[in-house]
Protein backbone atom coordinates (compact mmCIF):
# COMPACT_ATOMS: atom_id res chain seq x y z
CA MET A 1 83.01 4.43 -9.46
CA ASN A 2 79.59 3.65 -10.88
CA ASP A 3 79.05 1.03 -13.50
CA PRO A 4 77.82 2.67 -16.72
CA GLN A 5 75.67 -0.36 -17.50
CA GLN A 6 73.77 0.05 -14.26
CA ALA A 7 73.19 3.78 -14.88
CA THR A 8 71.66 3.18 -18.31
CA PRO A 9 67.86 3.01 -17.96
CA ARG A 10 66.15 0.03 -19.42
CA PRO A 11 63.76 0.66 -22.29
CA GLN A 12 60.09 0.23 -21.32
CA MET A 13 57.78 -1.80 -23.47
CA VAL A 14 54.63 0.02 -24.55
CA VAL A 15 51.64 -2.25 -24.90
CA GLN A 16 49.08 -0.98 -27.40
CA ASP A 17 45.44 -1.89 -27.29
CA ASP A 18 44.38 -4.56 -29.65
CA PRO A 19 42.16 -2.93 -32.26
CA ALA A 20 40.13 -6.14 -32.37
CA THR A 21 39.11 -5.78 -28.68
CA PRO A 22 35.52 -4.35 -28.51
CA PHE A 23 34.99 -1.16 -26.50
CA PRO A 24 32.30 -1.63 -23.76
CA LEU A 25 29.11 0.38 -24.32
CA ILE A 26 28.47 0.82 -20.59
CA SER A 27 30.71 0.50 -17.58
CA ASP A 28 30.60 -2.38 -15.16
CA ILE A 29 29.01 -0.20 -12.48
CA SER A 30 26.23 0.94 -14.80
CA ALA A 31 25.60 -2.63 -15.91
CA ALA A 32 25.35 -3.77 -12.30
CA ARG A 33 22.91 -0.97 -11.48
CA TRP A 34 20.67 -1.70 -14.46
CA LEU A 35 20.76 -5.39 -13.63
CA LEU A 36 19.68 -4.59 -10.08
CA VAL A 37 16.82 -2.42 -11.37
CA PHE A 38 15.71 -5.22 -13.70
CA ILE A 39 15.76 -7.79 -10.90
CA ILE A 40 13.77 -5.49 -8.59
CA ALA A 41 11.21 -4.78 -11.35
CA ALA A 42 10.87 -8.50 -12.10
CA ALA A 43 10.43 -9.27 -8.40
CA ILE A 44 7.71 -6.61 -8.09
CA TYR A 45 5.95 -7.98 -11.17
CA PHE A 46 5.96 -11.60 -10.02
CA PHE A 47 5.27 -10.92 -6.34
CA HIS A 48 2.96 -7.88 -6.54
CA GLY A 49 0.11 -10.08 -5.31
CA PHE A 50 1.87 -10.32 -1.93
CA LEU A 51 2.39 -6.55 -1.69
CA VAL A 52 -0.87 -5.80 0.15
CA PRO A 53 -0.47 -8.40 2.95
CA VAL A 54 3.20 -7.50 3.37
CA LEU A 55 2.35 -3.80 3.66
CA ALA A 56 -0.34 -4.58 6.23
CA ALA A 57 2.06 -6.77 8.21
CA THR A 58 4.73 -4.07 8.08
CA ILE A 59 2.35 -1.45 9.45
CA ILE A 60 1.12 -3.70 12.27
CA ALA A 61 4.69 -4.70 13.15
CA PHE A 62 5.83 -1.06 13.22
CA ALA A 63 2.96 -0.04 15.47
CA SER A 64 3.33 -2.91 17.95
CA TRP A 65 7.13 -3.33 17.86
CA PRO A 66 7.89 -1.46 21.12
CA LEU A 67 5.24 -3.49 22.95
CA SER A 68 6.58 -6.79 21.61
CA ARG A 69 10.12 -5.92 22.73
CA SER A 70 8.86 -4.95 26.19
CA VAL A 71 6.96 -8.24 26.52
CA GLN A 72 10.00 -10.22 25.41
CA ARG A 73 12.26 -8.52 27.95
CA GLY A 74 9.68 -8.69 30.73
CA LEU A 75 8.89 -12.40 30.29
CA GLY A 76 12.41 -13.41 29.28
CA ILE A 77 11.23 -15.51 26.33
CA HIS A 78 12.74 -16.17 22.91
CA ARG A 79 11.97 -14.01 19.88
CA THR A 80 10.20 -16.90 18.15
CA THR A 81 7.91 -17.43 21.14
CA THR A 82 7.19 -13.69 21.30
CA ALA A 83 6.36 -13.62 17.59
CA ALA A 84 3.98 -16.57 17.89
CA LEU A 85 2.33 -15.03 20.98
CA PHE A 86 1.72 -11.68 19.31
CA VAL A 87 0.37 -13.25 16.12
CA LEU A 88 -2.04 -15.31 18.24
CA VAL A 89 -3.17 -12.19 20.14
CA ILE A 90 -3.76 -10.31 16.88
CA VAL A 91 -5.80 -13.21 15.50
CA LEU A 92 -7.94 -13.54 18.63
CA PHE A 93 -8.54 -9.88 19.41
CA LEU A 94 -8.38 -8.23 15.98
CA VAL A 95 -8.88 -10.63 13.08
CA VAL A 96 -11.66 -12.78 14.55
CA PRO A 97 -13.85 -9.89 15.83
CA ILE A 98 -13.50 -7.91 12.59
CA THR A 99 -14.28 -11.02 10.52
CA MET A 100 -17.39 -11.81 12.57
CA ALA A 101 -18.60 -8.20 12.32
CA LEU A 102 -18.10 -8.16 8.55
CA LEU A 103 -19.91 -11.48 8.10
CA TYR A 104 -22.86 -10.29 10.18
CA ALA A 105 -22.90 -6.97 8.32
CA PHE A 106 -22.92 -8.84 5.01
CA ARG A 107 -25.99 -10.80 6.15
CA GLU A 108 -27.75 -7.55 6.99
CA LEU A 109 -26.74 -6.11 3.62
CA GLN A 110 -28.27 -9.14 1.92
CA GLN A 111 -31.60 -8.25 3.53
CA TRP A 112 -31.27 -4.72 2.15
CA ILE A 113 -30.47 -6.09 -1.30
CA TYR A 114 -33.48 -8.41 -1.27
CA TRP A 115 -35.66 -5.46 -0.24
CA VAL A 116 -34.27 -3.39 -3.14
CA PHE A 117 -35.10 -6.17 -5.62
CA GLU A 118 -38.60 -6.52 -4.21
CA VAL A 119 -39.21 -2.77 -4.44
CA ASN A 120 -37.78 -2.73 -7.96
CA ALA A 121 -40.20 -5.48 -8.98
CA ASN A 122 -43.38 -4.25 -7.28
CA GLY A 123 -42.76 -0.67 -6.19
CA ALA A 124 -43.33 0.69 -2.67
CA PRO A 125 -44.66 3.89 -1.12
CA ALA A 126 -42.38 6.26 0.74
CA PRO A 127 -41.99 5.56 4.48
CA GLU A 128 -44.32 7.54 6.68
CA TRP A 129 -41.51 9.03 8.75
CA MET A 130 -40.04 10.56 5.59
CA THR A 131 -43.28 12.04 4.31
CA ALA A 132 -44.05 13.40 7.80
CA LEU A 133 -40.91 15.54 7.88
CA PRO A 134 -41.77 19.24 7.97
CA ARG A 135 -41.21 21.31 4.80
CA ILE A 136 -39.43 18.57 2.86
CA GLY A 137 -41.87 15.68 3.35
CA ASP A 138 -43.91 16.43 0.23
CA TRP A 139 -40.77 16.84 -1.89
CA ILE A 140 -39.37 13.52 -0.62
CA ASP A 141 -42.68 11.79 -1.39
CA GLU A 142 -42.63 13.17 -4.94
CA GLN A 143 -39.02 12.14 -5.58
CA TRP A 144 -39.61 8.71 -4.03
CA SER A 145 -42.60 8.07 -6.27
CA ARG A 146 -40.63 9.11 -9.33
CA HIS A 147 -37.34 7.26 -8.70
CA VAL A 148 -38.24 4.41 -6.32
CA GLY A 149 -41.97 3.85 -5.99
CA GLN A 150 -42.70 2.66 -9.55
CA PRO A 151 -41.80 -0.90 -10.71
CA GLY A 152 -38.43 -0.85 -12.45
CA ALA A 153 -37.58 2.64 -11.18
CA ILE A 154 -34.63 1.49 -9.07
CA ALA A 155 -33.11 -0.34 -12.05
CA GLU A 156 -33.31 2.85 -14.12
CA LEU A 157 -31.76 4.86 -11.28
CA VAL A 158 -28.88 2.38 -10.91
CA GLN A 159 -28.31 2.37 -14.68
CA LEU A 160 -28.27 6.17 -14.73
CA THR A 161 -25.90 6.66 -11.79
CA SER A 162 -23.45 3.76 -12.14
CA GLY A 163 -23.82 2.55 -15.71
CA ASN A 164 -24.42 -1.01 -14.47
CA THR A 165 -27.61 -2.99 -14.46
CA ILE A 166 -29.15 -4.15 -11.21
CA ALA A 167 -28.68 -7.76 -12.36
CA SER A 168 -24.92 -7.28 -12.72
CA ILE A 169 -24.76 -5.84 -9.21
CA TYR A 170 -26.66 -8.86 -7.91
CA ARG A 171 -24.20 -11.20 -9.64
CA SER A 172 -21.35 -9.28 -8.03
CA VAL A 173 -22.93 -9.86 -4.63
CA LEU A 174 -23.26 -13.57 -5.36
CA ALA A 175 -19.55 -13.67 -6.27
CA ALA A 176 -18.64 -12.59 -2.75
CA GLY A 177 -17.42 -16.13 -2.05
CA ASN A 178 -14.45 -15.63 -4.36
CA ILE A 179 -13.71 -12.31 -2.69
CA ALA A 180 -13.80 -13.97 0.74
CA PHE A 181 -11.38 -16.67 -0.43
CA HIS A 182 -8.99 -14.01 -1.77
CA LEU A 183 -9.19 -12.12 1.52
CA ALA A 184 -8.49 -15.32 3.46
CA LEU A 185 -5.33 -15.93 1.40
CA ASN A 186 -4.17 -12.36 1.94
CA LEU A 187 -4.83 -12.74 5.65
CA LEU A 188 -2.75 -15.93 5.78
CA PHE A 189 0.15 -14.27 3.95
CA MET A 190 -0.10 -11.25 6.25
CA LEU A 191 0.12 -13.41 9.38
CA ILE A 192 3.14 -15.29 8.01
CA ALA A 193 4.89 -12.03 7.15
CA LEU A 194 3.96 -10.60 10.54
CA PHE A 195 5.49 -13.60 12.31
CA VAL A 196 8.74 -13.13 10.38
CA PHE A 197 8.82 -9.40 11.15
CA TYR A 198 8.30 -10.00 14.88
CA ARG A 199 11.03 -12.65 14.95
CA ASP A 200 13.65 -11.08 12.66
CA GLY A 201 12.59 -7.44 12.67
CA HIS A 202 15.78 -6.23 14.32
CA LYS A 203 17.90 -7.78 11.56
CA ILE A 204 15.70 -6.35 8.80
CA ALA A 205 15.75 -2.90 10.43
CA GLY A 206 19.54 -3.01 10.72
CA GLN A 207 19.95 -3.82 7.04
CA ILE A 208 17.50 -1.08 6.04
CA ASP A 209 19.45 1.40 8.21
CA ILE A 210 22.70 0.52 6.43
CA VAL A 211 21.19 0.96 2.96
CA GLY A 212 19.22 4.07 3.94
CA ALA A 213 22.28 5.75 5.44
CA ARG A 214 24.14 5.13 2.19
CA ILE A 215 21.32 6.47 -0.01
CA LEU A 216 20.33 9.43 2.19
CA PRO A 217 23.33 10.11 4.44
CA ARG A 218 22.09 13.50 5.67
CA ARG A 219 18.40 12.78 6.13
CA TRP A 220 18.19 9.12 7.02
CA GLU A 221 18.78 9.53 10.75
CA ARG A 222 15.82 11.89 11.00
CA LEU A 223 13.58 9.88 8.65
CA SER A 224 14.32 6.64 10.48
CA ARG A 225 12.74 8.21 13.58
CA VAL A 226 9.87 10.01 11.85
CA VAL A 227 8.57 7.00 9.91
CA PRO A 228 8.05 4.59 12.87
CA LEU A 229 6.50 7.33 15.01
CA THR A 230 4.15 8.33 12.19
CA ILE A 231 3.03 4.76 11.58
CA SER A 232 2.49 4.12 15.29
CA ALA A 233 0.57 7.38 15.76
CA THR A 234 -1.60 6.74 12.70
CA VAL A 235 -2.45 3.16 13.64
CA THR A 236 -3.23 3.91 17.29
CA GLY A 237 -4.66 7.38 16.78
CA MET A 238 -6.81 6.66 13.73
CA THR A 239 -7.27 2.97 12.99
CA LEU A 240 -7.63 1.41 16.45
CA ILE A 241 -9.70 4.30 17.78
CA ALA A 242 -11.92 4.14 14.68
CA ILE A 243 -12.52 0.43 15.31
CA GLY A 244 -13.34 1.18 18.94
CA GLU A 245 -15.76 3.95 17.98
CA GLY A 246 -17.47 1.65 15.49
CA VAL A 247 -17.91 -1.02 18.18
CA ILE A 248 -19.16 1.35 20.89
CA LEU A 249 -21.55 3.24 18.63
CA GLY A 250 -22.72 -0.02 17.04
CA ILE A 251 -23.72 -1.26 20.51
CA ALA A 252 -25.47 2.07 21.08
CA TYR A 253 -27.36 1.64 17.79
CA TRP A 254 -28.48 -1.82 18.92
CA ILE A 255 -29.67 -0.51 22.29
CA ALA A 256 -31.54 2.35 20.59
CA GLY A 257 -33.34 -0.11 18.31
CA VAL A 258 -31.83 1.04 15.01
CA PRO A 259 -32.28 -1.44 12.13
CA SER A 260 -29.08 -3.24 11.03
CA PRO A 261 -26.93 -1.99 13.93
CA VAL A 262 -23.87 -4.06 12.94
CA THR A 263 -23.81 -2.67 9.41
CA LEU A 264 -24.23 0.88 10.69
CA GLY A 265 -21.48 0.24 13.26
CA VAL A 266 -19.11 -0.92 10.51
CA ILE A 267 -19.97 2.15 8.43
CA THR A 268 -19.40 4.38 11.46
CA GLY A 269 -15.98 2.77 12.06
CA ILE A 270 -15.00 3.39 8.44
CA MET A 271 -16.27 6.97 8.59
CA ALA A 272 -14.33 7.51 11.84
CA LEU A 273 -11.11 7.23 9.83
CA ILE A 274 -12.06 10.54 8.19
CA PRO A 275 -12.00 13.70 10.34
CA GLY A 276 -15.59 14.47 11.28
CA GLY A 277 -16.90 11.14 9.99
CA ALA A 278 -17.96 9.63 13.32
CA PRO A 279 -20.09 12.60 14.49
CA LEU A 280 -21.71 12.78 11.06
CA SER A 281 -22.64 9.09 11.27
CA PHE A 282 -24.27 9.07 14.70
CA THR A 283 -25.94 12.43 14.00
CA LEU A 284 -27.65 11.03 10.90
CA VAL A 285 -28.75 7.93 12.82
CA SER A 286 -30.08 10.14 15.63
CA ILE A 287 -32.05 12.20 13.10
CA TYR A 288 -33.49 8.98 11.68
CA LEU A 289 -34.64 7.89 15.15
CA VAL A 290 -36.27 11.24 15.85
CA ALA A 291 -38.00 11.31 12.46
CA SER A 292 -39.22 7.70 12.73
CA GLY A 293 -41.07 8.32 15.99
CA SER A 294 -38.39 7.66 18.64
CA PRO A 295 -37.31 11.15 19.73
CA LEU A 296 -36.05 10.05 23.16
CA ALA A 297 -33.83 7.33 21.66
CA GLY A 298 -32.53 9.77 19.05
CA VAL A 299 -31.64 12.44 21.62
CA LEU A 300 -30.00 9.92 23.96
CA LEU A 301 -28.00 8.43 21.08
CA PHE A 302 -26.78 11.88 20.06
CA LEU A 303 -25.77 12.70 23.65
CA TRP A 304 -24.01 9.34 24.01
CA GLY A 305 -22.07 9.85 20.78
CA SER A 306 -21.07 13.39 21.77
CA VAL A 307 -19.83 12.30 25.21
CA GLU A 308 -17.96 9.33 23.72
CA LEU A 309 -16.32 11.54 21.10
CA PHE A 310 -15.29 14.09 23.74
CA ILE A 311 -13.75 11.40 25.96
CA VAL A 312 -11.84 9.85 23.05
CA ASP A 313 -10.45 13.15 21.72
CA LYS A 314 -9.56 14.64 25.10
CA THR A 315 -8.31 11.63 27.09
CA ILE A 316 -7.77 8.37 25.18
CA ARG A 317 -6.20 9.72 21.99
CA PRO A 318 -3.61 11.95 23.75
CA VAL A 319 -2.62 9.06 26.04
CA LEU A 320 -2.16 6.60 23.17
CA VAL A 321 -0.55 8.97 20.69
CA GLY A 322 0.90 11.73 22.82
CA GLY A 323 -1.29 14.27 21.05
CA PRO A 324 -3.89 14.27 18.30
CA VAL A 325 -2.90 13.06 14.85
CA LYS A 326 -3.14 16.28 12.84
CA MET A 327 -3.87 14.90 9.40
CA PRO A 328 -5.52 17.18 6.84
CA PHE A 329 -8.92 16.09 5.59
CA LEU A 330 -8.03 15.73 1.90
CA PRO A 331 -4.98 13.41 2.29
CA THR A 332 -6.92 11.28 4.77
CA PHE A 333 -9.89 11.02 2.42
CA PHE A 334 -7.69 10.20 -0.58
CA GLY A 335 -5.78 7.61 1.44
CA LEU A 336 -9.02 5.96 2.55
CA VAL A 337 -10.72 5.89 -0.86
CA GLY A 338 -7.54 5.10 -2.79
CA GLY A 339 -6.61 2.35 -0.37
CA VAL A 340 -10.00 0.66 -0.70
CA LYS A 341 -9.93 0.99 -4.50
CA THR A 342 -6.47 -0.52 -4.93
CA MET A 343 -6.15 -2.89 -1.96
CA GLY A 344 -9.70 -3.76 -0.94
CA ILE A 345 -10.68 -3.84 2.71
CA VAL A 346 -7.02 -3.90 3.80
CA GLY A 347 -6.67 -0.50 2.15
CA LEU A 348 -8.90 0.96 4.86
CA PHE A 349 -5.87 0.73 7.15
CA VAL A 350 -2.95 0.82 4.70
CA GLY A 351 -4.13 3.84 2.69
CA PRO A 352 -4.34 6.37 5.56
CA VAL A 353 -1.00 5.18 6.93
CA LEU A 354 0.74 5.68 3.57
CA MET A 355 -0.78 9.14 3.22
CA ALA A 356 0.31 9.97 6.78
CA LEU A 357 3.86 8.96 5.82
CA LEU A 358 3.77 11.20 2.75
CA VAL A 359 2.48 14.13 4.80
CA ALA A 360 5.10 13.53 7.52
CA ILE A 361 7.96 13.38 4.99
CA TRP A 362 6.64 16.50 3.26
CA ARG A 363 6.52 18.38 6.57
CA GLU A 364 10.02 17.15 7.38
CA TRP A 365 11.38 18.52 4.11
CA LEU A 366 9.65 21.84 4.71
CA ARG A 367 11.17 22.00 8.19
CA GLU A 368 14.67 21.41 6.81
CA ILE A 369 14.19 24.06 4.12
CA ARG A 370 13.07 26.62 6.70
CA GLU A 371 15.95 25.81 9.06
CA HIS A 372 18.63 25.63 6.34
CA PRO A 373 17.40 27.73 3.41
CA GLN A 374 20.83 28.00 1.75
CA SER A 375 21.82 24.33 1.95
CA PRO A 376 21.60 22.30 -1.29
């Protein structure tokens, strides 16, 4: 027989909310997210000066990561030793040659600037090789006399085209020491970041994979393969080959007797980043040689540039990249100009890589849409 006291349910106490307790405006999760956004924005604001060297270090580390891992396994050395070795190699074979070429090119540019100031002060006749050109020689002589040949004409032309005075441009050239100091600091920060990426890159990549898989669970696996391959192909297929073309054609300019061969070699290397830029550069220099009374040197330079371009496009580039880097002209041009405008000389390499990433991601999305048109 059951006890009636045990069968009777106990009354439950209902706890009412205290009307004095304030109701939260946002949830804890939303507050945490907004706090994270604020911290990230503050970090970007305070450390945006380090963004350019870190981006450059990231691109170099991505492009050379497979080689660094192969060297570490082949030599059986520690990651720290491998990182120090690769940073030293980059300094000796990339940073030092580029720095020396830029310094020499700046000296040649100074001679051009002094010539411009002298012509602006006293005037100068048009060069004979220009006036001797068939059909357009007389027109060039007339335009030269109007815009260059008279004293003060160059200053008026500069004021008309750029809105700046020639004196302000000269002061900007004299302030190149501050620019060089800023570039040296960025280079130091880039090398430090590069050392850290070589040493701890596997840990950083693992953490990025975890976060990326959480944010983009369906697309991250594909993007995590596309991004490194795109960076490696862009750096080896565009940047390194452009540097090589600038060096080889710069030596050819020197052999052919072209004035300021180092400066023209640097310009050719920059133009080689743009599709069709390298052939345009050595073609213009060849035309200059022919017009200035050296037809044999001009023809030989054009043939040398054509053969070099054929060898690079048909043999070296496919071996390094596994196929040509098919970048449209407009994104490449915007990446080059926008990179230089926002990041300085480092933007020559960072800008095209970022645009290549955007184009690769865009093509990847288009591929997914074509393969799965009904998926959300």
